[in-house]
Amino acid sequence: MRDAVIVETARTPIGKRNGGLASVHAVALSAQILNALIERAGISADLVDDVHWGNVLSVGQQSGNVGRMAVLAAGWPEHVPGFTIDRQCGSSQQAISTAAATVISGQADVIVAGGVEMMSAIPMGATTAVEGAGKSGGLAVDRYAEELTGPGFFGSFNQGAGAERIAREWKLSRQQVDEYSARSHERAAAAQKNGDFDAEIVPITVGEDVISRDEGIRPGSTVEKLGTLKTPFLDGGVISAGNASQISDGASAVLVMTSQKAASLGLTPLARVHTAVVTGDDPVKMLTGPIPATTLALKRSGLTIDDIDAFEINEAFAPVPLAWQIETGASDAKLNPAGGAIALGHPLGASGTRLATTLLAYLQRTGGRYGLQSMCEGGGTANATIFERL
């Protein structure tokens, strides 16, 4: 029976908005990660059957099927195709699922799954600002119009307002979300200091500089400092820039193939893609999807929450992992043990495979068997994936 395993991972350091990676073209950054990935694996690009590439803001330098453009820019053979996936923040996690399904079905043997997002160059909202494009969401927004407004909310259909609604529903205070955010920075700073991210990261040369460390981590973040920041989504709310994911630049990728193909190439798999699911949830709160996605993944896998050794639940906003933890009962120590997007950053299309890269590295380091990751996504969907370390 065919399966899907991951044999290698690679990611860039995550750059701050207008930071060290900001001047690099999305295609060029993607190409560097593609080449680094196969160099690490020790295989020829000629063996790759397809590239599944996540991206969210597909305008400007990220338009025109950035996945295919990355293959060409990397100098790979012209017969290697590539396509671009948009499942919002879960785009590259969906790329893993799509790659796994493709090799299991026998349509391919070797696929690169990954993604890129250069948010310094292509800001949030860029894809809805095209002249004549009309209102983002159109009839979908109209359908939920009555739910989109409420006393004190500034604006309507956006993720920040969704995070505020989650905080209200799960009774999360400003103190709690800021404490979680400070912890994210603390854990990420400790991991960076210990060199835990070093094996994941491909240093990127930009002019005379070499960027080799994640730029968003702020050691010494405190609840007191975070508590001084404004709450732009709700009058008297809890969501601020300090307890939300950072706007970032970056790319990441994993190499997916069957275990049989890995054996024929002399490669040792890092992990098996054990279970992969996607589901939808409330499109107004928008960010609660990881809760039902986790339930579905565990049901299909036959595993329990206690069987999982580590969780990567994307920190789009602090209430997302906190509400998820309340509902699942997951151990605090297992949840984002190396910090998350609040500290590291969230380059949208790259985040799914970045989470996988960090999760697999953690399982390798600690000897854990199972890891689960989940991403909330715009429009109220979520992917959940369980990996089994081999």
Foldseek 3Di string as FASTA:
>chain_A
DWFKFFFWKAKAFWAFQVGDCLVPQFLRQLLVQVVVGCVVQVDALVQAQEEEEEDAQQDDSNHDFSQQSNCVNNVHDNNYGYGYADQWLCRLLVQSVVVGVCQRVPVGFKYKGKYWFNCNVQPPPNNVPPPPNDDPCPVNCVVCVVVQDDPFFDGGQDQLLLLQVLCVVVVPDLLRLLVLLLVLLVLQVVCVVVCLCQSRHDWDDDPPDTDRHQDQRDPPRDSVVVVVFDRRGGDVTRFGLLQAFGAITIMMITMMGTVVVCVVVVTDGFWTFQFKDKDFDDQRSQQQAVQVQVVVRCVVNVHALVLAQAEEEARRGSSNVVSSCVNRVHDPCRYSSNHHRSRRGRSRRGRSSVSVSSQSSVCVVPVRFKYKYKYRRRRGMMMITIIGGD
